Amino acid sequence: MAELAACPATKIRATLAREAPALAPPPAGRILNVTVCPADTNEPPRLLNYLTAPNALIWSAVAASSAFPGLYPAQHILARNSRGEIVR
């Protein structure tokens, strides 16, 4: 079951990791918004974009957005720190 749960995140990473590494300011004037629902149902959804989460990795945000209780487990949103390392 763990392999099935990891599969969407792996495919998303393979597809999007080459395109854009982080939610950086858009050069073409288009803004990518990713809505993420928290694991706690009492919290409101979060909107991630280059203003609210500039260092978040796009594939990680999309994988977290795809999480669905009972089908795919919650995912951590990964980002790059000031040294370029990937962190939670």
N, C-alpha and C. Protein backbone atom coordinates (compact mmCIF):
# COMPACT_ATOMS: atom_id res chain seq x y z
N MET A 1 0.82 -1.20 0.00
CA MET A 1 0.00 0.00 0.00
C MET A 1 0.86 1.26 0.00
N ALA A 2 2.02 1.21 0.67
CA ALA A 2 2.90 2.38 0.71
C ALA A 2 3.42 2.72 -0.67
N GLU A 3 3.66 1.69 -1.52
CA GLU A 3 4.11 1.95 -2.87
C GLU A 3 3.04 2.65 -3.69
N LEU A 4 1.78 2.25 -3.50
CA LEU A 4 0.68 2.88 -4.20
C LEU A 4 0.53 4.33 -3.77
N ALA A 5 0.68 4.59 -2.49
CA ALA A 5 0.54 5.95 -1.97
C ALA A 5 1.67 6.85 -2.45
N ALA A 6 2.86 6.31 -2.60
CA ALA A 6 4.00 7.10 -3.04
C ALA A 6 3.98 7.34 -4.54
N CYS A 7 3.25 6.54 -5.28
CA CYS A 7 3.24 6.61 -6.73
C CYS A 7 2.83 7.97 -7.27
N PRO A 8 1.72 8.60 -6.84
CA PRO A 8 1.35 9.90 -7.40
C PRO A 8 2.43 10.95 -7.18
N ALA A 9 3.01 11.02 -6.00
CA ALA A 9 4.05 12.01 -5.72
C ALA A 9 5.27 11.77 -6.60
N THR A 10 5.62 10.51 -6.83
CA THR A 10 6.77 10.18 -7.66
C THR A 10 6.52 10.60 -9.11
N LYS A 11 5.33 10.32 -9.62
CA LYS A 11 5.01 10.70 -10.99
C LYS A 11 4.92 12.20 -11.15
N ILE A 12 4.35 12.88 -10.17
CA ILE A 12 4.26 14.34 -10.22
C ILE A 12 5.65 14.94 -10.21
N ARG A 13 6.53 14.41 -9.36
CA ARG A 13 7.90 14.94 -9.29
C ARG A 13 8.62 14.73 -10.62
N ALA A 14 8.47 13.55 -11.20
CA ALA A 14 9.15 13.27 -12.46
C ALA A 14 8.65 14.18 -13.58
N THR A 15 7.38 14.55 -13.53
CA THR A 15 6.81 15.40 -14.56
C THR A 15 7.14 16.87 -14.36
N LEU A 16 7.01 17.36 -13.14
CA LEU A 16 7.13 18.79 -12.88
C LEU A 16 8.50 19.26 -12.42
N ALA A 17 9.35 18.38 -11.95
CA ALA A 17 10.64 18.81 -11.41
C ALA A 17 11.51 19.47 -12.48
N ARG A 18 11.37 19.05 -13.71
CA ARG A 18 12.17 19.65 -14.79
C ARG A 18 11.63 21.01 -15.19
N GLU A 19 10.34 21.23 -15.02
CA GLU A 19 9.70 22.45 -15.51
C GLU A 19 10.07 23.68 -14.70
N ALA A 20 9.81 23.66 -13.41
CA ALA A 20 10.08 24.81 -12.56
C ALA A 20 10.33 24.31 -11.15
N PRO A 21 11.47 24.65 -10.57
CA PRO A 21 11.83 24.10 -9.27
C PRO A 21 11.07 24.70 -8.09
N ALA A 22 10.65 25.94 -8.19
CA ALA A 22 9.99 26.58 -7.06
C ALA A 22 8.94 27.55 -7.56
N LEU A 23 8.10 28.02 -6.64
CA LEU A 23 7.06 28.98 -6.98
C LEU A 23 7.68 30.38 -7.05
N ALA A 24 8.55 30.58 -8.01
CA ALA A 24 9.27 31.85 -8.18
C ALA A 24 8.39 32.85 -8.93
N PRO A 25 8.75 34.13 -8.90
CA PRO A 25 7.97 35.12 -9.66
C PRO A 25 7.89 34.73 -11.14
N PRO A 26 6.73 34.86 -11.72
CA PRO A 26 6.53 34.39 -13.09
C PRO A 26 7.15 35.32 -14.13
N PRO A 27 7.97 34.79 -15.04
CA PRO A 27 8.55 35.63 -16.08
C PRO A 27 7.54 35.97 -17.18
N ALA A 28 6.53 35.14 -17.37
CA ALA A 28 5.56 35.35 -18.45
C ALA A 28 4.33 36.11 -17.99
N GLY A 29 4.29 36.53 -16.73
CA GLY A 29 3.13 37.25 -16.23
C GLY A 29 1.99 36.38 -15.76
N ARG A 30 2.16 35.07 -15.80
CA ARG A 30 1.12 34.16 -15.30
C ARG A 30 1.51 33.69 -13.91
N ILE A 31 0.52 33.55 -13.06
CA ILE A 31 0.78 33.14 -11.69
C ILE A 31 0.19 31.75 -11.46
N LEU A 32 1.02 30.85 -10.95
CA LEU A 32 0.57 29.51 -10.60
C LEU A 32 0.08 29.52 -9.16
N ASN A 33 -1.18 29.14 -8.96
CA ASN A 33 -1.76 29.02 -7.63
C ASN A 33 -2.06 27.55 -7.37
N VAL A 34 -1.66 27.06 -6.21
CA VAL A 34 -1.93 25.68 -5.81
C VAL A 34 -2.66 25.74 -4.48
N THR A 35 -3.85 25.15 -4.42
CA THR A 35 -4.62 25.13 -3.18
C THR A 35 -4.35 23.82 -2.45
N VAL A 36 -4.03 23.93 -1.17
CA VAL A 36 -3.70 22.77 -0.36
C VAL A 36 -4.62 22.75 0.85
N CYS A 37 -5.26 21.62 1.08
CA CYS A 37 -6.10 21.46 2.27
C CYS A 37 -5.25 20.85 3.38
N PRO A 38 -5.32 21.42 4.59
CA PRO A 38 -4.54 20.87 5.70
C PRO A 38 -5.10 19.52 6.16
N ALA A 39 -4.27 18.76 6.85
CA ALA A 39 -4.70 17.47 7.38
C ALA A 39 -5.76 17.65 8.46
N ASP A 40 -5.69 18.75 9.20
CA ASP A 40 -6.69 19.05 10.23
C ASP A 40 -7.90 19.70 9.57
N THR A 41 -9.07 19.12 9.73
CA THR A 41 -10.26 19.63 9.07
C THR A 41 -10.75 20.96 9.64
N ASN A 42 -10.22 21.39 10.77
CA ASN A 42 -10.65 22.66 11.36
C ASN A 42 -9.90 23.86 10.78
N GLU A 43 -8.89 23.62 9.96
CA GLU A 43 -8.12 24.70 9.37
C GLU A 43 -8.61 24.98 7.95
N PRO A 44 -8.53 26.23 7.52
CA PRO A 44 -8.96 26.56 6.15
C PRO A 44 -7.92 26.12 5.13
N PRO A 45 -8.32 25.98 3.87
CA PRO A 45 -7.35 25.65 2.82
C PRO A 45 -6.33 26.77 2.67
N ARG A 46 -5.17 26.42 2.14
CA ARG A 46 -4.10 27.41 1.94
C ARG A 46 -3.85 27.58 0.44
N LEU A 47 -3.60 28.81 0.05
CA LEU A 47 -3.26 29.11 -1.33
C LEU A 47 -1.77 29.36 -1.42
N LEU A 48 -1.09 28.56 -2.22
CA LEU A 48 0.35 28.70 -2.39
C LEU A 48 0.63 29.32 -3.76
N ASN A 49 1.44 30.37 -3.77
CA ASN A 49 1.92 30.97 -5.02
C ASN A 49 3.25 31.65 -4.74
N TYR A 50 3.76 32.43 -5.67
CA TYR A 50 5.09 33.01 -5.49
C TYR A 50 5.13 34.07 -4.39
N LEU A 51 3.98 34.58 -3.98
CA LEU A 51 3.93 35.55 -2.89
C LEU A 51 3.82 34.88 -1.52
N THR A 52 3.01 33.83 -1.43
CA THR A 52 2.76 33.20 -0.13
C THR A 52 3.76 32.10 0.21
N ALA A 53 4.35 31.47 -0.79
CA ALA A 53 5.31 30.38 -0.55
C ALA A 53 6.34 30.37 -1.68
N PRO A 54 7.19 31.38 -1.76
CA PRO A 54 8.10 31.50 -2.92
C PRO A 54 9.13 30.38 -3.04
N ASN A 55 9.46 29.71 -1.96
CA ASN A 55 10.49 28.67 -2.01
C ASN A 55 9.91 27.26 -2.09
N ALA A 56 8.59 27.14 -2.09
CA ALA A 56 7.96 25.82 -2.17
C ALA A 56 8.22 25.21 -3.53
N LEU A 57 8.51 23.91 -3.54
CA LEU A 57 8.73 23.20 -4.80
C LEU A 57 7.37 22.87 -5.41
N ILE A 58 7.23 23.17 -6.68
CA ILE A 58 5.93 23.01 -7.34
C ILE A 58 5.44 21.57 -7.27
N TRP A 59 6.30 20.61 -7.59
CA TRP A 59 5.85 19.21 -7.58
C TRP A 59 5.40 18.79 -6.19
N SER A 60 6.04 19.33 -5.16
CA SER A 60 5.67 19.00 -3.79
C SER A 60 4.31 19.60 -3.43
N ALA A 61 4.07 20.83 -3.85
CA ALA A 61 2.78 21.48 -3.59
C ALA A 61 1.66 20.77 -4.32
N VAL A 62 1.90 20.36 -5.56
CA VAL A 62 0.89 19.63 -6.33
C VAL A 62 0.62 18.27 -5.71
N ALA A 63 1.65 17.59 -5.25
CA ALA A 63 1.45 16.29 -4.59
C ALA A 63 0.64 16.46 -3.30
N ALA A 64 0.92 17.52 -2.54
CA ALA A 64 0.17 17.78 -1.31
C ALA A 64 -1.28 18.12 -1.65
N SER A 65 -1.49 18.82 -2.74
CA SER A 65 -2.84 19.17 -3.17
C SER A 65 -3.63 17.93 -3.59
N SER A 66 -2.94 16.91 -4.06
CA SER A 66 -3.59 15.69 -4.54
C SER A 66 -3.94 14.72 -3.42
N ALA A 67 -3.47 14.98 -2.21
CA ALA A 67 -3.74 14.08 -1.09
C ALA A 67 -5.24 14.03 -0.82
N PHE A 68 -5.74 12.83 -0.57
CA PHE A 68 -7.16 12.63 -0.30
C PHE A 68 -7.29 11.59 0.80
N PRO A 69 -7.97 11.92 1.90
CA PRO A 69 -8.08 10.97 3.02
C PRO A 69 -8.63 9.62 2.57
N GLY A 70 -7.95 8.57 2.97
CA GLY A 70 -8.37 7.21 2.64
C GLY A 70 -7.84 6.71 1.31
N LEU A 71 -7.39 7.62 0.44
CA LEU A 71 -6.88 7.20 -0.86
C LEU A 71 -5.38 7.47 -0.96
N TYR A 72 -4.97 8.72 -0.77
CA TYR A 72 -3.56 9.09 -0.76
C TYR A 72 -3.28 9.85 0.53
N PRO A 73 -2.24 9.49 1.25
CA PRO A 73 -1.96 10.14 2.53
C PRO A 73 -1.49 11.59 2.32
N ALA A 74 -1.58 12.36 3.39
CA ALA A 74 -1.11 13.75 3.37
C ALA A 74 0.38 13.79 3.04
N GLN A 75 0.79 14.79 2.30
CA GLN A 75 2.17 14.96 1.88
C GLN A 75 2.74 16.21 2.52
N HIS A 76 4.02 16.20 2.82
CA HIS A 76 4.69 17.40 3.30
C HIS A 76 5.03 18.28 2.11
N ILE A 77 4.95 19.58 2.32
CA ILE A 77 5.35 20.51 1.27
C ILE A 77 6.83 20.80 1.47
N LEU A 78 7.61 20.55 0.43
CA LEU A 78 9.05 20.75 0.49
C LEU A 78 9.40 22.10 -0.12
N ALA A 79 10.52 22.67 0.35
CA ALA A 79 10.98 23.96 -0.15
C ALA A 79 12.50 23.97 -0.16
N ARG A 80 13.05 24.98 -0.79
CA ARG A 80 14.51 25.16 -0.77
C ARG A 80 14.84 26.27 0.22
N ASN A 81 15.86 26.03 1.04
CA ASN A 81 16.30 27.05 1.99
C ASN A 81 17.32 27.97 1.30
N SER A 82 17.89 28.90 2.04
CA SER A 82 18.82 29.88 1.45
C SER A 82 20.10 29.24 0.92
N ARG A 83 20.41 28.03 1.38
CA ARG A 83 21.60 27.32 0.88
C ARG A 83 21.29 26.40 -0.29
N GLY A 84 20.03 26.37 -0.72
CA GLY A 84 19.63 25.54 -1.84
C GLY A 84 19.28 24.12 -1.48
N GLU A 85 19.23 23.81 -0.19
CA GLU A 85 18.89 22.47 0.28
C GLU A 85 17.37 22.30 0.33
N ILE A 86 16.91 21.10 0.05
CA ILE A 86 15.48 20.82 0.14
C ILE A 86 15.13 20.48 1.57
N VAL A 87 14.15 21.20 2.13
CA VAL A 87 13.74 21.03 3.52
C VAL A 87 12.21 20.92 3.59
N ARG A 88 11.70 20.41 4.71
CA ARG A 88 10.24 20.34 4.92
C ARG A 88 9.72 21.68 5.37
